[in-house]
Amino acid sequence: MNVARRYPRFRRLLASLAVSQAGDWLYNLALLAFVYERTHSSAWLGVTTAARVLPIVVCGPLGGVLADRYDRRRLMLASDGIRLVLMLALAGVAAAGLPVALAPLIAALSTAASSAYMPCVAATTPRLVDDADLPAANAARSAIGQICIVAGPGFGALLLLLGPPSLAFALNGATFALSALAVASLPAGPIFAPGGEPEEAPNVVRELREGARALLQQPAALRLVGADVVCSAVYGAETVLLLMLSRDLGLGDHGYGYLLASFGLGGVLGAGVAGRAAASGRTRAVLVGALALVAACTALLANPFGIGGALALGVVSGAGCIIVEVLADTGLQRTLPEDVFARAYGIAYPAALAGIVAGSLVAAPLVTLFGLRGAFVVLGALAAVYALTLVRRPEPVAAPVAAPVAA
């Protein structure tokens, strides 16, 4: 990550993101293990997983509004502080044997408290690096997320061997403290100033409408968001279908972990390519190619020729998805006016997460209608169709005039 070495302040922002995301994936495994140990119910696992994901889908747009109206450094520090307190509370619930229903409630509150964090990071990144290095910076951010997806559950499993779930919850609280220290080490000032002018009584509905309008007025940005959502939906469906494929290949449930890890590994490897691809000057061609690669790999999973083929397809597909993600983030940062960027990103980011949820929900109906192998083919075909819509260049639309950034 040369870009992190070149920009010390961005490196500290990246460090904050890394420790907080690593803790989130670490504690997720402990959270599910704790709930299942107390309830022995798959329904409770579903409720807990939903509690971890849905609040960011619902609160993400509001987080974007906050990031466009208030000092982003203070928002990030507040987010870390609230989540620290909540994780300590969750550790107390586990250690004291309090009602298990508190666990998904606290997890939901923690996710909601993070809603402004990612819009703040995305909106601050262009102020910390030169425009030419922006793709590499976004690739570094995405690589952090993929590494945490691969390594976090492994550390979580190790912690569960060493101690009770309360230990993992307390350690996750410590990651938020470290994240806050990294953010606090950055000097306050213009780099964290909001894109728009704060109001005494902001109209949230109007603010959200302006963020949505900024996306709708830029067809290129909207198509980027659509590509990211399509990849997320494919991944969400595959989180269900890969379990069935693993059993179909005779690998049992442990093979499912290998297949998911292959997607995460592909994301890590693809992040290195994504930065160069986004800076190549042929963004649209790269985007179409990456999405077509995801579509082809998804369809080929219908007959992967054994576990080796399935793992290889997972790596390539994961790399394609991360390239699309980096291109989407970079395109939004360069296309949208700075004074509404965080609000627009606060809509785009939850939309991608909603794609994961939607994909996981449609997986079972697809299997019912087309069978397991047919479901992979249908998913691949849908991604290919969207890739074809990207071939035609959108009509240019003049961007609204951005408000000047506070000095």
Protein backbone atom coordinates (compact mmCIF):
# COMPACT_ATOMS: atom_id res chain seq x y z
CA MET A 1 0.00 0.00 0.00
CA ASN A 2 2.36 2.70 -1.28
CA VAL A 3 -0.34 5.33 -1.00
CA ALA A 4 -0.48 4.82 2.78
CA ARG A 5 3.28 5.36 3.05
CA ARG A 6 3.14 8.51 0.94
CA TYR A 7 0.37 10.19 2.95
CA PRO A 8 0.87 9.90 6.75
CA ARG A 9 -2.51 11.41 7.62
CA PHE A 10 -4.31 9.00 5.30
CA ARG A 11 -2.30 6.17 6.89
CA ARG A 12 -3.71 7.09 10.29
CA LEU A 13 -7.23 7.22 8.89
CA LEU A 14 -6.63 3.80 7.34
CA ALA A 15 -5.34 2.47 10.67
CA SER A 16 -8.51 3.64 12.38
CA LEU A 17 -10.63 1.88 9.77
CA ALA A 18 -8.56 -1.30 9.99
CA VAL A 19 -8.77 -1.83 13.74
CA SER A 20 -12.49 -1.06 13.97
CA GLN A 21 -13.41 -3.34 11.05
CA ALA A 22 -11.19 -6.15 12.32
CA GLY A 23 -12.99 -5.98 15.65
CA ASP A 24 -16.40 -6.03 13.96
CA TRP A 25 -15.66 -9.29 12.13
CA LEU A 26 -13.99 -10.76 15.20
CA TYR A 27 -16.97 -10.02 17.42
CA ASN A 28 -19.54 -11.15 14.86
CA LEU A 29 -18.50 -14.78 15.27
CA ALA A 30 -18.54 -14.49 19.07
CA LEU A 31 -21.95 -12.81 18.94
CA LEU A 32 -23.52 -15.63 16.92
CA ALA A 33 -21.83 -18.28 19.07
CA PHE A 34 -23.10 -16.60 22.24
CA VAL A 35 -26.68 -16.31 20.97
CA TYR A 36 -26.75 -19.91 19.73
CA GLU A 37 -25.25 -21.21 22.94
CA ARG A 38 -28.00 -19.50 24.92
CA THR A 39 -30.94 -20.26 22.58
CA HIS A 40 -29.99 -23.26 20.37
CA SER A 41 -32.22 -21.60 17.77
CA SER A 42 -31.46 -20.87 14.13
CA ALA A 43 -34.26 -18.30 14.20
CA TRP A 44 -32.38 -16.33 16.84
CA LEU A 45 -29.29 -16.49 14.65
CA GLY A 46 -31.31 -14.98 11.80
CA VAL A 47 -32.64 -12.20 14.03
CA THR A 48 -29.14 -11.43 15.29
CA THR A 49 -27.67 -11.32 11.79
CA ALA A 50 -30.46 -9.01 10.65
CA ALA A 51 -29.84 -6.81 13.68
CA ARG A 52 -26.19 -6.50 12.61
CA VAL A 53 -26.94 -5.53 8.99
CA LEU A 54 -30.31 -3.81 8.67
CA PRO A 55 -29.59 -0.72 10.85
CA ILE A 56 -26.90 0.47 8.42
CA VAL A 57 -29.37 0.07 5.53
CA VAL A 58 -31.96 2.14 7.40
CA CYS A 59 -29.66 4.66 9.13
CA GLY A 60 -26.98 4.96 6.42
CA PRO A 61 -28.69 7.84 4.59
CA LEU A 62 -29.04 9.73 7.88
CA GLY A 63 -25.33 9.12 8.54
CA GLY A 64 -24.60 10.75 5.19
CA VAL A 65 -26.64 13.80 6.18
CA LEU A 66 -24.69 14.12 9.43
CA ALA A 67 -21.37 13.81 7.58
CA ASP A 68 -22.39 16.65 5.26
CA ARG A 69 -23.48 18.94 8.07
CA TYR A 70 -21.15 18.41 11.06
CA ASP A 71 -17.43 18.10 11.71
CA ARG A 72 -16.44 14.64 10.48
CA ARG A 73 -13.65 14.14 13.01
CA ARG A 74 -16.05 14.68 15.89
CA LEU A 75 -18.59 12.35 14.30
CA MET A 76 -16.00 9.58 13.93
CA LEU A 77 -14.83 10.04 17.52
CA ALA A 78 -18.43 9.97 18.75
CA SER A 79 -19.12 6.83 16.73
CA ASP A 80 -16.10 5.04 18.19
CA GLY A 81 -16.94 6.19 21.72
CA ILE A 82 -20.56 5.03 21.55
CA ARG A 83 -19.56 1.66 20.13
CA LEU A 84 -16.91 1.24 22.84
CA VAL A 85 -19.55 1.71 25.53
CA LEU A 86 -21.98 -0.64 23.78
CA MET A 87 -19.36 -3.40 23.42
CA LEU A 88 -18.53 -3.16 27.12
CA ALA A 89 -22.25 -3.40 27.84
CA LEU A 90 -22.48 -6.50 25.62
CA ALA A 91 -19.54 -8.05 27.48
CA GLY A 92 -21.42 -7.38 30.70
CA VAL A 93 -24.57 -9.06 29.32
CA ALA A 94 -22.57 -12.18 28.43
CA ALA A 95 -20.59 -12.29 31.69
CA ALA A 96 -23.57 -11.67 33.98
CA GLY A 97 -26.00 -14.00 32.18
CA LEU A 98 -28.49 -11.23 31.43
CA PRO A 99 -31.37 -11.87 28.95
CA VAL A 100 -30.04 -12.92 25.55
CA ALA A 101 -32.50 -10.57 23.81
CA LEU A 102 -30.19 -7.72 24.84
CA ALA A 103 -27.45 -9.07 22.55
CA PRO A 104 -29.11 -8.37 19.16
CA LEU A 105 -30.46 -5.09 20.54
CA ILE A 106 -26.98 -3.89 21.50
CA ALA A 107 -25.59 -5.15 18.19
CA ALA A 108 -28.25 -3.15 16.32
CA LEU A 109 -27.45 0.00 18.30
CA SER A 110 -23.74 -0.47 17.59
CA THR A 111 -24.38 -0.79 13.86
CA ALA A 112 -26.62 2.29 13.90
CA ALA A 113 -23.87 4.23 15.72
CA SER A 114 -21.50 3.43 12.85
CA SER A 115 -23.81 4.89 10.18
CA ALA A 116 -21.89 8.16 9.77
CA TYR A 117 -18.43 6.56 9.96
CA MET A 118 -18.06 5.26 6.40
CA PRO A 119 -19.49 8.41 4.75
CA CYS A 120 -16.99 10.43 6.83
CA VAL A 121 -14.08 8.24 5.71
CA ALA A 122 -15.15 8.32 2.05
CA ALA A 123 -15.67 12.10 2.08
CA THR A 124 -12.36 12.79 3.89
CA THR A 125 -10.17 10.56 1.70
CA PRO A 126 -10.06 12.97 -1.32
CA ARG A 127 -8.78 15.69 1.02
CA LEU A 128 -5.90 13.55 2.26
CA VAL A 129 -4.49 12.30 -1.07
CA ASP A 130 -3.89 13.78 -4.50
CA ASP A 131 -6.54 13.09 -7.13
CA ALA A 132 -4.13 10.89 -9.12
CA ASP A 133 -3.71 8.66 -6.04
CA LEU A 134 -7.42 8.53 -5.20
CA PRO A 135 -8.01 5.11 -6.89
CA ALA A 136 -5.10 3.60 -4.95
CA ALA A 137 -6.44 5.10 -1.71
CA ASN A 138 -9.88 3.61 -2.31
CA ALA A 139 -8.28 0.27 -3.19
CA ALA A 140 -6.42 0.38 0.13
CA ARG A 141 -9.69 1.02 1.97
CA SER A 142 -11.35 -1.90 0.18
CA ALA A 143 -8.36 -4.17 0.84
CA ILE A 144 -8.68 -3.44 4.57
CA GLY A 145 -12.30 -4.62 4.48
CA GLN A 146 -11.45 -7.81 2.58
CA ILE A 147 -8.53 -8.69 4.86
CA CYS A 148 -10.78 -8.25 7.89
CA ILE A 149 -13.42 -10.52 6.30
CA VAL A 150 -10.81 -13.26 5.84
CA ALA A 151 -8.82 -12.85 9.05
CA GLY A 152 -11.44 -11.56 11.51
CA PRO A 153 -13.44 -14.81 11.89
CA GLY A 154 -10.18 -16.74 12.35
CA PHE A 155 -9.12 -14.53 15.24
CA GLY A 156 -12.65 -14.72 16.60
CA ALA A 157 -12.54 -18.53 16.59
CA LEU A 158 -9.17 -18.43 18.39
CA LEU A 159 -10.57 -16.11 21.06
CA LEU A 160 -13.51 -18.46 21.62
CA LEU A 161 -10.97 -21.23 22.28
CA LEU A 162 -9.11 -19.03 24.76
CA GLY A 163 -12.08 -17.64 26.65
CA PRO A 164 -15.82 -16.86 26.76
CA PRO A 165 -17.63 -14.60 24.24
CA SER A 166 -17.40 -11.73 26.72
CA LEU A 167 -13.64 -11.65 26.06
CA ALA A 168 -14.23 -11.08 22.32
CA PHE A 169 -16.81 -8.37 23.06
CA ALA A 170 -14.42 -6.56 25.41
CA LEU A 171 -11.60 -6.83 22.86
CA ASN A 172 -13.87 -5.36 20.20
CA GLY A 173 -14.48 -2.44 22.54
CA ALA A 174 -10.72 -2.00 22.74
CA THR A 175 -10.50 -1.81 18.94
CA PHE A 176 -12.88 1.16 18.99
CA ALA A 177 -10.69 2.85 21.60
CA LEU A 178 -7.66 2.35 19.34
CA SER A 179 -9.64 3.61 16.36
CA ALA A 180 -10.59 6.75 18.28
CA LEU A 181 -6.94 7.33 19.21
CA ALA A 182 -5.92 7.09 15.56
CA VAL A 183 -8.59 9.62 14.55
CA ALA A 184 -7.72 11.91 17.47
CA SER A 185 -4.08 11.95 16.30
CA LEU A 186 -5.20 13.70 13.11
CA PRO A 187 -5.28 17.51 13.42
CA ALA A 188 -8.71 19.09 13.44
CA GLY A 189 -9.38 21.52 10.66
CA PRO A 190 -10.51 21.89 7.04
CA ILE A 191 -9.93 18.26 6.06
CA PHE A 192 -12.78 17.26 8.38
CA ALA A 193 -15.02 20.25 7.65
CA PRO A 194 -18.49 19.32 6.38
CA GLY A 195 -19.22 19.73 2.70
CA GLY A 196 -22.20 21.99 3.33
CA GLU A 197 -23.06 24.66 5.84
CA PRO A 198 -24.64 23.39 9.08
CA GLU A 199 -28.10 24.61 9.87
CA GLU A 200 -29.70 25.30 13.23
CA ALA A 201 -32.65 23.06 12.36
CA PRO A 202 -31.72 20.95 9.32
CA ASN A 203 -34.58 19.42 7.37
CA VAL A 204 -33.58 15.74 7.21
CA VAL A 205 -36.08 14.85 4.49
CA ARG A 206 -34.88 17.70 2.30
CA GLU A 207 -31.26 16.79 2.95
CA LEU A 208 -31.89 13.18 1.92
CA ARG A 209 -33.76 14.36 -1.16
CA GLU A 210 -30.79 16.50 -2.19
CA GLY A 211 -28.44 13.52 -1.83
CA ALA A 212 -30.71 11.34 -3.93
CA ARG A 213 -31.09 14.12 -6.51
CA ALA A 214 -27.30 14.41 -6.78
CA LEU A 215 -27.15 10.74 -7.76
CA LEU A 216 -30.11 10.92 -10.14
CA GLN A 217 -28.67 13.95 -11.93
CA GLN A 218 -25.46 12.07 -12.72
CA PRO A 219 -26.24 8.98 -14.85
CA ALA A 220 -22.60 7.85 -14.72
CA ALA A 221 -22.64 7.88 -10.91
CA LEU A 222 -25.98 6.09 -10.83
CA ARG A 223 -24.68 3.34 -13.11
CA LEU A 224 -21.65 2.87 -10.87
CA VAL A 225 -23.90 2.44 -7.85
CA GLY A 226 -26.01 -0.04 -9.83
CA ALA A 227 -22.94 -2.11 -10.71
CA ASP A 228 -21.90 -2.23 -7.05
CA VAL A 229 -25.42 -3.26 -6.00
CA VAL A 230 -25.49 -6.02 -8.64
CA CYS A 231 -22.19 -7.45 -7.36
CA SER A 232 -23.48 -7.24 -3.78
CA ALA A 233 -26.70 -9.04 -4.72
CA VAL A 234 -24.72 -11.81 -6.45
CA TYR A 235 -22.52 -12.19 -3.38
CA GLY A 236 -25.55 -12.23 -1.07
CA ALA A 237 -27.17 -15.02 -3.07
CA GLU A 238 -23.91 -16.96 -3.13
CA THR A 239 -23.63 -16.89 0.66
CA VAL A 240 -26.64 -19.21 0.53
CA LEU A 241 -25.94 -21.12 -2.68
CA LEU A 242 -22.31 -21.94 -1.82
CA LEU A 243 -23.40 -23.90 1.25
CA MET A 244 -25.61 -26.04 -0.97
CA LEU A 245 -22.84 -26.34 -3.56
CA SER A 246 -20.35 -27.47 -0.91
CA ARG A 247 -22.67 -30.25 0.16
CA ASP A 248 -23.35 -31.14 -3.45
CA LEU A 249 -19.59 -31.53 -3.98
CA GLY A 250 -19.41 -33.82 -0.94
CA LEU A 251 -17.41 -31.37 1.17
CA GLY A 252 -19.99 -30.78 3.89
CA ASP A 253 -20.28 -27.57 5.84
CA HIS A 254 -16.52 -27.04 6.24
CA GLY A 255 -16.20 -26.68 2.47
CA TYR A 256 -18.55 -23.72 2.70
CA GLY A 257 -15.98 -21.87 4.78
CA TYR A 258 -13.30 -22.54 2.16
CA LEU A 259 -15.53 -21.23 -0.63
CA LEU A 260 -16.41 -18.03 1.24
CA ALA A 261 -12.75 -17.52 2.10
CA SER A 262 -11.85 -17.80 -1.60
CA PHE A 263 -14.09 -14.79 -2.33
CA GLY A 264 -12.41 -12.83 0.46
CA LEU A 265 -8.96 -13.82 -0.80
CA GLY A 266 -9.95 -12.71 -4.30
CA GLY A 267 -11.00 -9.37 -2.87
CA VAL A 268 -7.61 -8.92 -1.20
CA LEU A 269 -5.76 -9.80 -4.40
CA GLY A 270 -8.12 -7.74 -6.55
CA ALA A 271 -7.60 -4.62 -4.44
CA GLY A 272 -4.06 -4.40 -5.73
CA VAL A 273 -5.32 -4.46 -9.31
CA ALA A 274 -8.29 -2.20 -8.65
CA GLY A 275 -6.29 0.93 -7.93
CA ARG A 276 -4.34 0.65 -11.17
CA ALA A 277 -7.49 -0.24 -13.10
CA ALA A 278 -9.34 2.82 -11.77
CA ALA A 279 -6.40 5.05 -12.75
CA SER A 280 -6.06 3.56 -16.24
CA GLY A 281 -8.23 6.16 -17.96
CA ARG A 282 -10.51 3.43 -19.35
CA THR A 283 -12.85 3.27 -16.40
CA ARG A 284 -15.96 2.25 -18.32
CA ALA A 285 -14.21 -0.58 -20.18
CA VAL A 286 -12.66 -1.86 -16.94
CA LEU A 287 -16.03 -1.68 -15.17
CA VAL A 288 -17.77 -3.65 -17.91
CA GLY A 289 -14.95 -6.19 -17.98
CA ALA A 290 -14.95 -6.68 -14.19
CA LEU A 291 -18.72 -7.10 -14.05
CA ALA A 292 -18.63 -9.50 -17.02
CA LEU A 293 -15.97 -11.50 -15.16
CA VAL A 294 -18.23 -11.74 -12.11
CA ALA A 295 -21.11 -12.83 -14.33
CA ALA A 296 -19.05 -15.53 -16.08
CA CYS A 297 -17.61 -16.94 -12.84
CA THR A 298 -21.05 -17.04 -11.24
CA ALA A 299 -22.54 -18.95 -14.16
CA LEU A 300 -19.58 -21.36 -14.24
CA LEU A 301 -20.17 -22.26 -10.59
CA ALA A 302 -23.11 -24.30 -11.92
CA ASN A 303 -20.48 -26.87 -12.98
CA PRO A 304 -17.15 -25.91 -11.37
CA PHE A 305 -15.39 -29.25 -12.00
CA GLY A 306 -14.71 -29.95 -8.35
CA ILE A 307 -13.59 -27.97 -5.35
CA GLY A 308 -10.45 -26.69 -7.10
CA GLY A 309 -12.47 -25.10 -9.85
CA ALA A 310 -14.98 -23.67 -7.39
CA LEU A 311 -12.20 -22.10 -5.30
CA ALA A 312 -10.55 -20.61 -8.40
CA LEU A 313 -13.86 -19.15 -9.59
CA GLY A 314 -14.42 -17.70 -6.11
CA VAL A 315 -11.04 -15.96 -6.16
CA VAL A 316 -11.61 -14.47 -9.63
CA SER A 317 -15.18 -13.42 -8.80
CA GLY A 318 -14.07 -11.80 -5.54
CA ALA A 319 -11.40 -9.85 -7.42
CA GLY A 320 -13.98 -8.67 -9.98
CA CYS A 321 -16.33 -7.49 -7.24
CA ILE A 322 -13.64 -5.46 -5.51
CA ILE A 323 -12.64 -3.79 -8.78
CA VAL A 324 -16.27 -2.74 -9.27
CA GLU A 325 -16.41 -1.42 -5.70
CA VAL A 326 -13.25 0.67 -6.07
CA LEU A 327 -14.38 2.05 -9.42
CA ALA A 328 -17.75 2.97 -7.91
CA ASP A 329 -16.22 4.77 -4.91
CA THR A 330 -13.68 6.64 -7.03
CA GLY A 331 -16.29 7.59 -9.63
CA LEU A 332 -18.63 8.97 -6.99
CA GLN A 333 -15.84 11.00 -5.37
CA ARG A 334 -14.87 12.52 -8.71
CA THR A 335 -18.36 13.02 -10.12
CA LEU A 336 -20.50 14.32 -7.26
CA PRO A 337 -20.28 17.86 -5.82
CA GLU A 338 -18.43 17.89 -2.52
CA ASP A 339 -21.20 19.68 -0.66
CA VAL A 340 -23.61 16.73 -1.17
CA PHE A 341 -21.15 13.85 -1.54
CA ALA A 342 -21.55 12.37 1.94
CA ARG A 343 -25.35 12.39 1.63
CA ALA A 344 -25.17 10.66 -1.75
CA TYR A 345 -22.64 8.15 -0.41
CA GLY A 346 -24.89 7.63 2.60
CA ILE A 347 -27.47 6.34 0.10
CA ALA A 348 -25.10 4.40 -2.17
CA TYR A 349 -23.28 2.47 0.57
CA PRO A 350 -26.42 1.13 2.30
CA ALA A 351 -27.83 0.31 -1.15
CA ALA A 352 -24.91 -2.06 -1.70
CA LEU A 353 -25.52 -3.68 1.69
CA ALA A 354 -29.22 -3.95 0.88
CA GLY A 355 -28.14 -5.78 -2.27
CA ILE A 356 -26.49 -8.44 -0.11
CA VAL A 357 -29.69 -8.84 1.93
CA ALA A 358 -31.86 -8.98 -1.23
CA GLY A 359 -29.57 -11.54 -2.84
CA SER A 360 -29.67 -13.81 0.19
CA LEU A 361 -33.48 -13.64 0.20
CA VAL A 362 -33.92 -14.52 -3.50
CA ALA A 363 -31.46 -17.43 -3.43
CA ALA A 364 -33.94 -20.00 -2.13
CA PRO A 365 -36.73 -19.06 -4.60
CA LEU A 366 -34.20 -19.30 -7.46
CA VAL A 367 -33.23 -22.81 -6.36
CA THR A 368 -36.91 -23.77 -6.15
CA LEU A 369 -37.57 -22.49 -9.66
CA PHE A 370 -34.38 -23.49 -11.46
CA GLY A 371 -32.48 -25.88 -9.23
CA LEU A 372 -29.08 -25.16 -7.67
CA ARG A 373 -27.11 -25.12 -10.91
CA GLY A 374 -29.81 -23.16 -12.71
CA ALA A 375 -29.76 -20.56 -9.92
CA PHE A 376 -26.06 -19.89 -10.57
CA VAL A 377 -26.73 -19.55 -14.31
CA VAL A 378 -29.62 -17.13 -13.74
CA LEU A 379 -27.53 -14.97 -11.39
CA GLY A 380 -24.70 -14.88 -13.89
CA ALA A 381 -27.08 -13.97 -16.70
CA LEU A 382 -28.58 -11.10 -14.70
CA ALA A 383 -25.11 -9.68 -13.97
CA ALA A 384 -24.19 -10.05 -17.66
CA VAL A 385 -27.31 -8.17 -18.73
CA TYR A 386 -26.44 -5.27 -16.45
CA ALA A 387 -22.87 -5.28 -17.79
CA LEU A 388 -24.28 -4.89 -21.31
CA THR A 389 -26.25 -1.82 -20.24
CA LEU A 390 -22.95 -0.20 -19.23
CA VAL A 391 -21.48 -0.52 -22.73
CA ARG A 392 -23.40 2.50 -23.98
CA ARG A 393 -21.97 5.79 -22.73
CA PRO A 394 -24.54 7.79 -20.69
CA GLU A 395 -25.56 11.25 -21.81
CA PRO A 396 -23.54 13.86 -19.87
CA VAL A 397 -25.42 15.95 -17.33
CA ALA A 398 -24.05 19.16 -15.87
CA ALA A 399 -23.23 18.78 -12.21
CA PRO A 400 -24.66 21.22 -9.70
CA VAL A 401 -22.24 23.89 -8.53
CA ALA A 402 -20.48 22.73 -5.35
CA ALA A 403 -20.36 24.94 -2.30
CA PRO A 404 -16.86 26.10 -1.37
CA VAL A 405 -15.10 24.08 1.33
CA ALA A 406 -14.54 25.87 4.60
CA ALA A 407 -10.96 27.03 4.95
